Amino acid sequence: MKSKSRLFKAVDILYICMMVVPLICGITLKVLTKPPSEGISITGAQIYFTIPMPIQDLPVTESQVNSLIVMIMLLGLCLFLTHGLKTRDISVRQHLAEWIVESVDSLVKNSMGEYFANFSAFIAAILALSGFSSLLSLTGLMPPTSDINVVGGWAVLVFVLITYYKMKCGPLQYVKSFGDPVPFLAPLNIISEVATPLSMAFRHYGNVLSGSVISVLIGTALQGLSRTVLGWLPGFLGDIPFLQLGLPAVLSIYFDVFSGLLQAYIFAMLTMMYVSGGFPMELYFERKKKKAELKAKD
């Protein structure tokens, strides 16, 4: 029993390391590679290195590395929460894991219906990946959600799912749907179809990036104001940005925590709404019933 208990604790430590070590490595990489700058510095994702490719070179950027860090951390968290599941004497982490699963299942069923019950894992992945990516800014790392390439990739994936479910009744029915409710609205419906992934990507990216920019601008302004107003203080006291204490932390709670988690929730809700709303369920089951009747006659 003791050896079993030691093995259980060793595996727990391994999972905790999966959550902590990638973050430490990311912060270390950021410190070692960050170029020196003075004053306000608002730039895009830093390019760490470039992989030569036949058609176009592939840059490995800060947002890609940070996305990988978040995915490894989430994998470690999932393995930790589901380690040692039991039917009796349930631990606190198992209660937490069950609560997360039940909450996401309930959210998906209420938003999409019973037919899409299997979407729970996908929606949970979107919520976790988006939320933890935005929270990464609390550690000083660039949140991947402030890179349009990352969020745009998520939006394209969702658009593929939307199109797949819209074509469940066949390509011809999908083309006909652009003429609803009247045929002359087809150009507008096509534009709306293309605009779906664009609006999802720019909404998420814009809100996260704007929060980061506003926080940097206000923090820098308060630092300069502190030097101007309190620079007369003797010795090192004049160099301490007293006015920078407090307000940036409050802004961080809003922009980095509340706004980031809110955008993750909105992105997940839009995914569920577009996928379930675009699926012609009644027509699909009617078509499926007719096929079954024809097959039975044969």
C-alpha atoms as a PDB file:
ATOM      1  CA  MET A   1       0.000   0.000   0.000  1.00  0.00           C
ATOM      2  CA  LYS A   2       2.845   2.378   0.829  1.00  0.00           C
ATOM      3  CA  SER A   3       4.531   1.804  -2.534  1.00  0.00           C
ATOM      4  CA  LYS A   4       1.160   2.368  -4.238  1.00  0.00           C
ATOM      5  CA  SER A   5       0.662   5.593  -2.319  1.00  0.00           C
ATOM      6  CA  ARG A   6       4.181   6.771  -3.204  1.00  0.00           C
ATOM      7  CA  LEU A   7       3.578   6.001  -6.875  1.00  0.00           C
ATOM      8  CA  PHE A   8       0.278   7.920  -6.745  1.00  0.00           C
ATOM      9  CA  LYS A   9       2.008  10.966  -5.218  1.00  0.00           C
ATOM     10  CA  ALA A  10       4.860  10.717  -7.737  1.00  0.00           C
ATOM     11  CA  VAL A  11       2.393  10.784 -10.631  1.00  0.00           C
ATOM     12  CA  ASP A  12       0.631  13.774  -9.036  1.00  0.00           C
ATOM     13  CA  ILE A  13       3.956  15.603  -8.818  1.00  0.00           C
ATOM     14  CA  LEU A  14       4.611  14.804 -12.475  1.00  0.00           C
ATOM     15  CA  TYR A  15       1.264  16.323 -13.484  1.00  0.00           C
ATOM     16  CA  ILE A  16       1.919  19.414 -11.340  1.00  0.00           C
ATOM     17  CA  CYS A  17       5.309  19.790 -13.047  1.00  0.00           C
ATOM     18  CA  MET A  18       3.509  19.664 -16.405  1.00  0.00           C
ATOM     19  CA  MET A  19       1.521  22.695 -15.247  1.00  0.00           C
ATOM     20  CA  VAL A  20       4.415  24.665 -13.735  1.00  0.00           C
ATOM     21  CA  VAL A  21       7.591  23.865 -15.697  1.00  0.00           C
ATOM     22  CA  PRO A  22       6.318  25.026 -19.152  1.00  0.00           C
ATOM     23  CA  LEU A  23       5.284  28.351 -17.609  1.00  0.00           C
ATOM     24  CA  ILE A  24       8.709  28.822 -15.999  1.00  0.00           C
ATOM     25  CA  CYS A  25      10.405  27.938 -19.301  1.00  0.00           C
ATOM     26  CA  GLY A  26       8.210  30.451 -21.136  1.00  0.00           C
ATOM     27  CA  ILE A  27       9.024  33.260 -18.692  1.00  0.00           C
ATOM     28  CA  THR A  28      12.738  32.416 -18.874  1.00  0.00           C
ATOM     29  CA  LEU A  29      12.660  32.422 -22.686  1.00  0.00           C
ATOM     30  CA  LYS A  30      10.852  35.773 -22.631  1.00  0.00           C
ATOM     31  CA  VAL A  31      13.435  37.343 -20.310  1.00  0.00           C
ATOM     32  CA  LEU A  32      16.425  36.014 -22.247  1.00  0.00           C
ATOM     33  CA  THR A  33      15.170  36.967 -25.712  1.00  0.00           C
ATOM     34  CA  LYS A  34      13.264  40.203 -25.071  1.00  0.00           C
ATOM     35  CA  PRO A  35      15.032  43.079 -26.879  1.00  0.00           C
ATOM     36  CA  PRO A  36      15.835  46.180 -24.784  1.00  0.00           C
ATOM     37  CA  SER A  37      13.392  49.068 -25.166  1.00  0.00           C
ATOM     38  CA  GLU A  38      12.747  52.463 -23.630  1.00  0.00           C
ATOM     39  CA  GLY A  39       9.378  54.000 -22.887  1.00  0.00           C
ATOM     40  CA  ILE A  40       6.211  52.581 -24.390  1.00  0.00           C
ATOM     41  CA  SER A  41       6.750  49.428 -26.411  1.00  0.00           C
ATOM     42  CA  ILE A  42       3.718  47.806 -28.026  1.00  0.00           C
ATOM     43  CA  THR A  43       4.709  45.230 -30.618  1.00  0.00           C
ATOM     44  CA  GLY A  44       3.353  42.044 -32.103  1.00  0.00           C
ATOM     45  CA  ALA A  45       4.504  38.525 -31.351  1.00  0.00           C
ATOM     46  CA  GLN A  46       8.275  38.195 -31.201  1.00  0.00           C
ATOM     47  CA  ILE A  47       9.818  35.851 -33.787  1.00  0.00           C
ATOM     48  CA  TYR A  48      12.136  33.391 -32.022  1.00  0.00           C
ATOM     49  CA  PHE A  49      13.482  31.625 -35.113  1.00  0.00           C
ATOM     50  CA  THR A  50      12.497  30.737 -38.685  1.00  0.00           C
ATOM     51  CA  ILE A  51      12.277  27.278 -40.223  1.00  0.00           C
ATOM     52  CA  PRO A  52      13.257  27.218 -43.936  1.00  0.00           C
ATOM     53  CA  MET A  53      10.448  25.808 -46.093  1.00  0.00           C
ATOM     54  CA  PRO A  54      10.212  25.149 -49.881  1.00  0.00           C
ATOM     55  CA  ILE A  55       7.498  27.739 -50.634  1.00  0.00           C
ATOM     56  CA  GLN A  56       7.671  30.148 -47.692  1.00  0.00           C
ATOM     57  CA  ASP A  57       9.729  30.163 -44.506  1.00  0.00           C
ATOM     58  CA  LEU A  58       7.851  29.285 -41.304  1.00  0.00           C
ATOM     59  CA  PRO A  59       8.447  31.738 -38.437  1.00  0.00           C
ATOM     60  CA  VAL A  60       8.100  30.339 -34.919  1.00  0.00           C
ATOM     61  CA  THR A  61       6.640  33.198 -32.918  1.00  0.00           C
ATOM     62  CA  GLU A  62       5.972  34.017 -29.295  1.00  0.00           C
ATOM     63  CA  SER A  63       2.245  33.357 -29.705  1.00  0.00           C
ATOM     64  CA  GLN A  64       2.885  29.846 -31.081  1.00  0.00           C
ATOM     65  CA  VAL A  65       5.246  28.967 -28.231  1.00  0.00           C
ATOM     66  CA  ASN A  66       2.844  30.390 -25.631  1.00  0.00           C
ATOM     67  CA  SER A  67      -0.053  28.438 -27.172  1.00  0.00           C
ATOM     68  CA  LEU A  68       1.995  25.255 -26.797  1.00  0.00           C
ATOM     69  CA  ILE A  69       2.723  26.188 -23.173  1.00  0.00           C
ATOM     70  CA  VAL A  70      -1.007  26.618 -22.464  1.00  0.00           C
ATOM     71  CA  MET A  71      -1.852  23.284 -24.117  1.00  0.00           C
ATOM     72  CA  ILE A  72       0.775  21.413 -22.069  1.00  0.00           C
ATOM     73  CA  MET A  73      -0.464  23.092 -18.883  1.00  0.00           C
ATOM     74  CA  LEU A  74      -4.068  22.174 -19.685  1.00  0.00           C
ATOM     75  CA  LEU A  75      -3.041  18.581 -20.392  1.00  0.00           C
ATOM     76  CA  GLY A  76      -1.322  18.432 -17.008  1.00  0.00           C
ATOM     77  CA  LEU A  77      -4.372  19.973 -15.301  1.00  0.00           C
ATOM     78  CA  CYS A  78      -6.773  17.486 -16.933  1.00  0.00           C
ATOM     79  CA  LEU A  79      -4.574  14.525 -16.012  1.00  0.00           C
ATOM     80  CA  PHE A  80      -4.248  15.825 -12.449  1.00  0.00           C
ATOM     81  CA  LEU A  81      -8.017  16.327 -12.000  1.00  0.00           C
ATOM     82  CA  THR A  82      -8.848  12.879 -13.406  1.00  0.00           C
ATOM     83  CA  HIS A  83      -6.071  10.963 -11.617  1.00  0.00           C
ATOM     84  CA  GLY A  84      -7.384   8.365  -9.201  1.00  0.00           C
ATOM     85  CA  LEU A  85     -11.088   8.539  -9.999  1.00  0.00           C
ATOM     86  CA  LYS A  86     -13.257   6.507  -7.597  1.00  0.00           C
ATOM     87  CA  THR A  87     -16.898   5.680  -7.018  1.00  0.00           C
ATOM     88  CA  ARG A  88     -16.643   6.067  -3.231  1.00  0.00           C
ATOM     89  CA  ASP A  89     -14.885   8.536  -0.929  1.00  0.00           C
ATOM     90  CA  ILE A  90     -14.580  11.041  -3.777  1.00  0.00           C
ATOM     91  CA  SER A  91     -11.748  13.570  -3.435  1.00  0.00           C
ATOM     92  CA  VAL A  92     -12.104  17.343  -3.801  1.00  0.00           C
ATOM     93  CA  ARG A  93     -10.452  17.363  -7.218  1.00  0.00           C
ATOM     94  CA  GLN A  94     -12.785  14.649  -8.482  1.00  0.00           C
ATOM     95  CA  HIS A  95     -15.727  16.770  -7.278  1.00  0.00           C
ATOM     96  CA  LEU A  96     -14.213  19.695  -9.208  1.00  0.00           C
ATOM     97  CA  ALA A  97     -13.694  17.583 -12.352  1.00  0.00           C
ATOM     98  CA  GLU A  98     -17.266  16.263 -12.188  1.00  0.00           C
ATOM     99  CA  TRP A  99     -18.635  19.771 -11.653  1.00  0.00           C
ATOM    100  CA  ILE A 100     -16.764  21.049 -14.747  1.00  0.00           C
ATOM    101  CA  VAL A 101     -18.034  18.169 -16.893  1.00  0.00           C
ATOM    102  CA  GLU A 102     -21.624  18.526 -15.677  1.00  0.00           C
ATOM    103  CA  SER A 103     -21.576  22.323 -16.148  1.00  0.00           C
ATOM    104  CA  VAL A 104     -20.305  22.107 -19.726  1.00  0.00           C
ATOM    105  CA  ASP A 105     -22.741  19.275 -20.536  1.00  0.00           C
ATOM    106  CA  SER A 106     -25.616  21.378 -19.209  1.00  0.00           C
ATOM    107  CA  LEU A 107     -24.439  24.453 -21.141  1.00  0.00           C
ATOM    108  CA  VAL A 108     -24.204  22.528 -24.425  1.00  0.00           C
ATOM    109  CA  LYS A 109     -27.570  20.768 -24.012  1.00  0.00           C
ATOM    110  CA  ASN A 110     -29.360  24.021 -23.120  1.00  0.00           C
ATOM    111  CA  SER A 111     -27.727  25.941 -25.986  1.00  0.00           C
ATOM    112  CA  MET A 112     -27.587  23.319 -28.748  1.00  0.00           C
ATOM    113  CA  GLY A 113     -30.021  20.549 -27.839  1.00  0.00           C
ATOM    114  CA  GLU A 114     -29.665  16.833 -27.183  1.00  0.00           C
ATOM    115  CA  TYR A 115     -28.431  16.093 -30.720  1.00  0.00           C
ATOM    116  CA  PHE A 116     -25.197  18.012 -30.028  1.00  0.00           C
ATOM    117  CA  ALA A 117     -24.526  16.483 -26.603  1.00  0.00           C
ATOM    118  CA  ASN A 118     -21.187  15.126 -27.859  1.00  0.00           C
ATOM    119  CA  PHE A 119     -19.994  18.700 -28.450  1.00  0.00           C
ATOM    120  CA  SER A 120     -19.226  19.112 -24.736  1.00  0.00           C
ATOM    121  CA  ALA A 121     -15.559  18.147 -25.066  1.00  0.00           C
ATOM    122  CA  PHE A 122     -15.019  20.584 -27.958  1.00  0.00           C
ATOM    123  CA  ILE A 123     -16.729  23.473 -26.148  1.00  0.00           C
ATOM    124  CA  ALA A 124     -14.785  22.725 -22.954  1.00  0.00           C
ATOM    125  CA  ALA A 125     -11.554  22.803 -24.990  1.00  0.00           C
ATOM    126  CA  ILE A 126     -12.488  26.202 -26.480  1.00  0.00           C
ATOM    127  CA  LEU A 127     -13.343  27.660 -23.064  1.00  0.00           C
ATOM    128  CA  ALA A 128     -10.171  26.332 -21.423  1.00  0.00           C
ATOM    129  CA  LEU A 129      -7.777  27.197 -24.248  1.00  0.00           C
ATOM    130  CA  SER A 130      -9.166  30.688 -24.746  1.00  0.00           C
ATOM    131  CA  GLY A 131      -9.514  31.484 -21.037  1.00  0.00           C
ATOM    132  CA  PHE A 132      -6.070  30.240 -19.998  1.00  0.00           C
ATOM    133  CA  SER A 133      -4.446  31.902 -23.029  1.00  0.00           C
ATOM    134  CA  SER A 134      -5.833  35.268 -21.932  1.00  0.00           C
ATOM    135  CA  LEU A 135      -4.857  34.669 -18.294  1.00  0.00           C
ATOM    136  CA  LEU A 136      -1.272  34.070 -19.439  1.00  0.00           C
ATOM    137  CA  SER A 137      -0.796  37.849 -19.507  1.00  0.00           C
ATOM    138  CA  LEU A 138      -0.882  37.839 -15.671  1.00  0.00           C
ATOM    139  CA  THR A 139       2.552  36.157 -15.759  1.00  0.00           C
ATOM    140  CA  GLY A 140       4.044  38.780 -18.088  1.00  0.00           C
ATOM    141  CA  LEU A 141       3.835  36.570 -21.179  1.00  0.00           C
ATOM    142  CA  MET A 142       2.055  37.597 -24.352  1.00  0.00           C
ATOM    143  CA  PRO A 143      -1.467  36.096 -24.444  1.00  0.00           C
ATOM    144  CA  PRO A 144      -1.914  34.072 -27.660  1.00  0.00           C
ATOM    145  CA  THR A 145      -5.443  35.472 -27.918  1.00  0.00           C
ATOM    146  CA  SER A 146      -3.940  38.893 -28.743  1.00  0.00           C
ATOM    147  CA  ASP A 147      -2.563  37.425 -31.992  1.00  0.00           C
ATOM    148  CA  ILE A 148      -5.054  37.459 -34.878  1.00  0.00           C
ATOM    149  CA  ASN A 149      -3.354  34.410 -36.423  1.00  0.00           C
ATOM    150  CA  VAL A 150      -4.157  32.236 -33.398  1.00  0.00           C
ATOM    151  CA  VAL A 151      -7.752  33.357 -32.940  1.00  0.00           C
ATOM    152  CA  GLY A 152      -8.257  33.341 -36.709  1.00  0.00           C
ATOM    153  CA  GLY A 153      -7.246  29.672 -36.780  1.00  0.00           C
ATOM    154  CA  TRP A 154      -9.895  28.878 -34.153  1.00  0.00           C
ATOM    155  CA  ALA A 155     -12.511  30.804 -36.161  1.00  0.00           C
ATOM    156  CA  VAL A 156     -11.634  28.902 -39.352  1.00  0.00           C
ATOM    157  CA  LEU A 157     -12.024  25.591 -37.490  1.00  0.00           C
ATOM    158  CA  VAL A 158     -15.449  26.676 -36.224  1.00  0.00           C
ATOM    159  CA  PHE A 159     -16.409  27.813 -39.750  1.00  0.00           C
ATOM    160  CA  VAL A 160     -15.540  24.338 -41.092  1.00  0.00           C
ATOM    161  CA  LEU A 161     -17.846  22.801 -38.465  1.00  0.00           C
ATOM    162  CA  ILE A 162     -20.638  25.239 -39.324  1.00  0.00           C
ATOM    163  CA  THR A 163     -20.349  24.405 -43.024  1.00  0.00           C
ATOM    164  CA  TYR A 164     -20.223  20.670 -42.296  1.00  0.00           C
ATOM    165  CA  TYR A 165     -23.506  20.727 -40.374  1.00  0.00           C
ATOM    166  CA  LYS A 166     -25.146  23.010 -42.916  1.00  0.00           C
ATOM    167  CA  MET A 167     -24.273  20.449 -45.603  1.00  0.00           C
ATOM    168  CA  LYS A 168     -25.768  17.539 -43.655  1.00  0.00           C
ATOM    169  CA  CYS A 169     -28.730  17.606 -46.059  1.00  0.00           C
ATOM    170  CA  GLY A 170     -26.470  17.630 -49.098  1.00  0.00           C
ATOM    171  CA  PRO A 171     -24.525  20.269 -51.084  1.00  0.00           C
ATOM    172  CA  LEU A 172     -27.606  21.198 -53.132  1.00  0.00           C
ATOM    173  CA  GLN A 173     -29.626  22.062 -50.033  1.00  0.00           C
ATOM    174  CA  TYR A 174     -26.671  24.094 -48.741  1.00  0.00           C
ATOM    175  CA  VAL A 175     -26.573  26.144 -51.950  1.00  0.00           C
ATOM    176  CA  LYS A 176     -30.355  26.608 -51.845  1.00  0.00           C
ATOM    177  CA  SER A 177     -30.131  27.967 -48.291  1.00  0.00           C
ATOM    178  CA  PHE A 178     -28.428  31.109 -49.600  1.00  0.00           C
ATOM    179  CA  GLY A 179     -31.707  31.970 -51.357  1.00  0.00           C
ATOM    180  CA  ASP A 180     -33.718  32.028 -48.119  1.00  0.00           C
ATOM    181  CA  PRO A 181     -36.057  33.757 -47.539  1.00  0.00           C
ATOM    182  CA  VAL A 182     -35.979  35.283 -51.043  1.00  0.00           C
ATOM    183  CA  PRO A 183     -33.511  34.562 -53.881  1.00  0.00           C
ATOM    184  CA  PHE A 184     -32.337  38.153 -54.424  1.00  0.00           C
ATOM    185  CA  LEU A 185     -30.843  38.143 -50.902  1.00  0.00           C
ATOM    186  CA  ALA A 186     -28.320  35.452 -51.925  1.00  0.00           C
ATOM    187  CA  PRO A 187     -25.362  37.920 -52.280  1.00  0.00           C
ATOM    188  CA  LEU A 188     -25.993  39.248 -48.760  1.00  0.00           C
ATOM    189  CA  ASN A 189     -26.269  35.721 -47.367  1.00  0.00           C
ATOM    190  CA  ILE A 190     -22.948  34.777 -48.999  1.00  0.00           C
ATOM    191  CA  ILE A 191     -21.289  37.861 -47.499  1.00  0.00           C
ATOM    192  CA  SER A 192     -22.783  36.978 -44.114  1.00  0.00           C
ATOM    193  CA  GLU A 193     -21.404  33.445 -44.427  1.00  0.00           C
ATOM    194  CA  VAL A 194     -17.871  34.712 -45.104  1.00  0.00           C
ATOM    195  CA  ALA A 195     -18.159  37.363 -42.389  1.00  0.00           C
ATOM    196  CA  THR A 196     -18.903  34.782 -39.666  1.00  0.00           C
ATOM    197  CA  PRO A 197     -15.291  33.625 -39.019  1.00  0.00           C
ATOM    198  CA  LEU A 198     -13.977  37.163 -39.543  1.00  0.00           C
ATOM    199  CA  SER A 199     -16.304  38.669 -36.937  1.00  0.00           C
ATOM    200  CA  MET A 200     -15.558  35.876 -34.438  1.00  0.00           C
ATOM    201  CA  ALA A 201     -11.799  36.299 -34.836  1.00  0.00           C
ATOM    202  CA  PHE A 202     -11.677  40.110 -34.751  1.00  0.00           C
ATOM    203  CA  ARG A 203     -14.095  40.356 -31.805  1.00  0.00           C
ATOM    204  CA  HIS A 204     -11.982  38.068 -29.627  1.00  0.00           C
ATOM    205  CA  TYR A 205      -8.612  39.388 -30.805  1.00  0.00           C
ATOM    206  CA  GLY A 206      -9.635  43.051 -30.641  1.00  0.00           C
ATOM    207  CA  ASN A 207     -10.963  42.916 -27.083  1.00  0.00           C
ATOM    208  CA  VAL A 208      -7.909  41.123 -25.678  1.00  0.00           C
ATOM    209  CA  LEU A 209      -5.386  43.272 -27.567  1.00  0.00           C
ATOM    210  CA  SER A 210      -7.118  46.551 -26.707  1.00  0.00           C
ATOM    211  CA  GLY A 211      -7.045  45.635 -23.011  1.00  0.00           C
ATOM    212  CA  SER A 212      -3.291  44.969 -23.161  1.00  0.00           C
ATOM    213  CA  VAL A 213      -2.649  48.254 -24.992  1.00  0.00           C
ATOM    214  CA  ILE A 214      -4.763  50.310 -22.568  1.00  0.00           C
ATOM    215  CA  SER A 215      -3.020  48.733 -19.555  1.00  0.00           C
ATOM    216  CA  VAL A 216       0.446  49.537 -20.974  1.00  0.00           C
ATOM    217  CA  LEU A 217      -0.508  53.127 -21.857  1.00  0.00           C
ATOM    218  CA  ILE A 218      -2.029  53.886 -18.436  1.00  0.00           C
ATOM    219  CA  GLY A 219       0.850  52.209 -16.576  1.00  0.00           C
ATOM    220  CA  THR A 220       3.449  54.217 -18.529  1.00  0.00           C
ATOM    221  CA  ALA A 221       1.489  57.463 -18.079  1.00  0.00           C
ATOM    222  CA  LEU A 222       1.239  56.933 -14.316  1.00  0.00           C
ATOM    223  CA  GLN A 223       4.964  56.238 -14.133  1.00  0.00           C
ATOM    224  CA  GLY A 224       5.742  59.524 -15.896  1.00  0.00           C
ATOM    225  CA  LEU A 225       3.217  61.428 -13.778  1.00  0.00           C
ATOM    226  CA  SER A 226       4.755  60.013 -10.604  1.00  0.00           C
ATOM    227  CA  ARG A 227       8.216  61.250 -11.629  1.00  0.00           C
ATOM    228  CA  THR A 228       6.805  64.700 -12.416  1.00  0.00           C
ATOM    229  CA  VAL A 229       4.731  65.115  -9.260  1.00  0.00           C
ATOM    230  CA  LEU A 230       6.833  63.195  -6.712  1.00  0.00           C
ATOM    231  CA  GLY A 231      10.295  63.518  -8.273  1.00  0.00           C
ATOM    232  CA  TRP A 232      11.258  66.084  -5.618  1.00  0.00           C
ATOM    233  CA  LEU A 233      11.344  63.383  -2.912  1.00  0.00           C
ATOM    234  CA  PRO A 234      14.884  62.824  -1.562  1.00  0.00           C
ATOM    235  CA  GLY A 235      17.088  59.917  -2.689  1.00  0.00           C
ATOM    236  CA  PHE A 236      15.639  56.796  -4.195  1.00  0.00           C
ATOM    237  CA  LEU A 237      12.112  57.765  -3.113  1.00  0.00           C
ATOM    238  CA  GLY A 238      11.852  60.103  -6.112  1.00  0.00           C
ATOM    239  CA  ASP A 239      12.431  57.159  -8.481  1.00  0.00           C
ATOM    240  CA  ILE A 240       9.655  54.980  -7.031  1.00  0.00           C
ATOM    241  CA  PRO A 241       6.484  55.249  -9.191  1.00  0.00           C
ATOM    242  CA  PHE A 242       4.045  55.608  -6.269  1.00  0.00           C
ATOM    243  CA  LEU A 243       1.158  56.626  -8.558  1.00  0.00           C
ATOM    244  CA  GLN A 244       1.631  53.396 -10.507  1.00  0.00           C
ATOM    245  CA  LEU A 245       0.635  51.318  -7.486  1.00  0.00           C
ATOM    246  CA  GLY A 246      -2.949  50.099  -7.302  1.00  0.00           C
ATOM    247  CA  LEU A 247      -4.676  51.267 -10.488  1.00  0.00           C
ATOM    248  CA  PRO A 248      -2.768  49.006 -12.957  1.00  0.00           C
ATOM    249  CA  ALA A 249      -3.618  46.028 -10.725  1.00  0.00           C
ATOM    250  CA  VAL A 250      -7.320  46.925 -10.808  1.00  0.00           C
ATOM    251  CA  LEU A 251      -7.172  47.337 -14.601  1.00  0.00           C
ATOM    252  CA  SER A 252      -5.416  43.984 -14.859  1.00  0.00           C
ATOM    253  CA  ILE A 253      -8.268  42.321 -12.958  1.00  0.00           C
ATOM    254  CA  TYR A 254     -10.715  43.711 -15.511  1.00  0.00           C
ATOM    255  CA  PHE A 255      -8.787  43.406 -18.784  1.00  0.00           C
ATOM    256  CA  ASP A 256      -6.747  40.265 -18.090  1.00  0.00           C
ATOM    257  CA  VAL A 257      -9.180  38.277 -15.948  1.00  0.00           C
ATOM    258  CA  PHE A 258     -12.775  39.414 -16.444  1.00  0.00           C
ATOM    259  CA  SER A 259     -12.558  40.509 -20.087  1.00  0.00           C
ATOM    260  CA  GLY A 260     -10.423  37.504 -21.108  1.00  0.00           C
ATOM    261  CA  LEU A 261     -12.798  34.978 -19.522  1.00  0.00           C
ATOM    262  CA  LEU A 262     -15.804  36.847 -20.908  1.00  0.00           C
ATOM    263  CA  GLN A 263     -14.401  36.671 -24.456  1.00  0.00           C
ATOM    264  CA  ALA A 264     -13.780  32.931 -24.036  1.00  0.00           C
ATOM    265  CA  TYR A 265     -17.418  32.483 -23.010  1.00  0.00           C
ATOM    266  CA  ILE A 266     -18.684  34.629 -25.901  1.00  0.00           C
ATOM    267  CA  PHE A 267     -16.555  32.722 -28.433  1.00  0.00           C
ATOM    268  CA  ALA A 268     -17.906  29.403 -27.129  1.00  0.00           C
ATOM    269  CA  MET A 269     -21.506  30.662 -27.155  1.00  0.00           C
ATOM    270  CA  LEU A 270     -21.156  31.954 -30.734  1.00  0.00           C
ATOM    271  CA  THR A 271     -19.703  28.587 -31.765  1.00  0.00           C
ATOM    272  CA  MET A 272     -22.696  26.751 -30.314  1.00  0.00           C
ATOM    273  CA  MET A 273     -25.174  29.239 -31.767  1.00  0.00           C
ATOM    274  CA  TYR A 274     -23.736  29.178 -35.306  1.00  0.00           C
ATOM    275  CA  VAL A 275     -23.303  25.386 -35.449  1.00  0.00           C
ATOM    276  CA  SER A 276     -26.731  24.471 -34.043  1.00  0.00           C
ATOM    277  CA  GLY A 277     -28.497  27.382 -35.776  1.00  0.00           C
ATOM    278  CA  GLY A 278     -27.111  26.467 -39.186  1.00  0.00           C
ATOM    279  CA  PHE A 279     -28.054  22.797 -38.927  1.00  0.00           C
ATOM    280  CA  PRO A 280     -31.406  22.079 -40.687  1.00  0.00           C
ATOM    281  CA  MET A 281     -32.374  19.457 -38.114  1.00  0.00           C
ATOM    282  CA  GLU A 282     -36.008  18.908 -39.157  1.00  0.00           C
ATOM    283  CA  LEU A 283     -35.068  18.621 -42.819  1.00  0.00           C
ATOM    284  CA  TYR A 284     -32.206  16.288 -41.958  1.00  0.00           C
ATOM    285  CA  PHE A 285     -34.351  13.856 -39.969  1.00  0.00           C
ATOM    286  CA  GLU A 286     -37.113  14.020 -42.589  1.00  0.00           C
ATOM    287  CA  ARG A 287     -34.588  13.152 -45.286  1.00  0.00           C
ATOM    288  CA  LYS A 288     -33.142  10.386 -43.105  1.00  0.00           C
ATOM    289  CA  LYS A 289     -36.645   8.948 -42.546  1.00  0.00           C
ATOM    290  CA  LYS A 290     -37.378   8.898 -46.274  1.00  0.00           C
ATOM    291  CA  LYS A 291     -34.086   7.102 -46.955  1.00  0.00           C
ATOM    292  CA  ALA A 292     -34.931   4.499 -44.301  1.00  0.00           C
ATOM    293  CA  GLU A 293     -38.412   3.955 -45.820  1.00  0.00           C
ATOM    294  CA  LEU A 294     -36.946   3.531 -49.327  1.00  0.00           C
ATOM    295  CA  LYS A 295     -34.378   1.114 -47.993  1.00  0.00           C
ATOM    296  CA  ALA A 296     -37.090  -0.903 -46.228  1.00  0.00           C
ATOM    297  CA  LYS A 297     -39.119  -1.137 -49.466  1.00  0.00           C
ATOM    298  CA  ASP A 298     -36.091  -2.422 -51.352  1.00  0.00           C
END
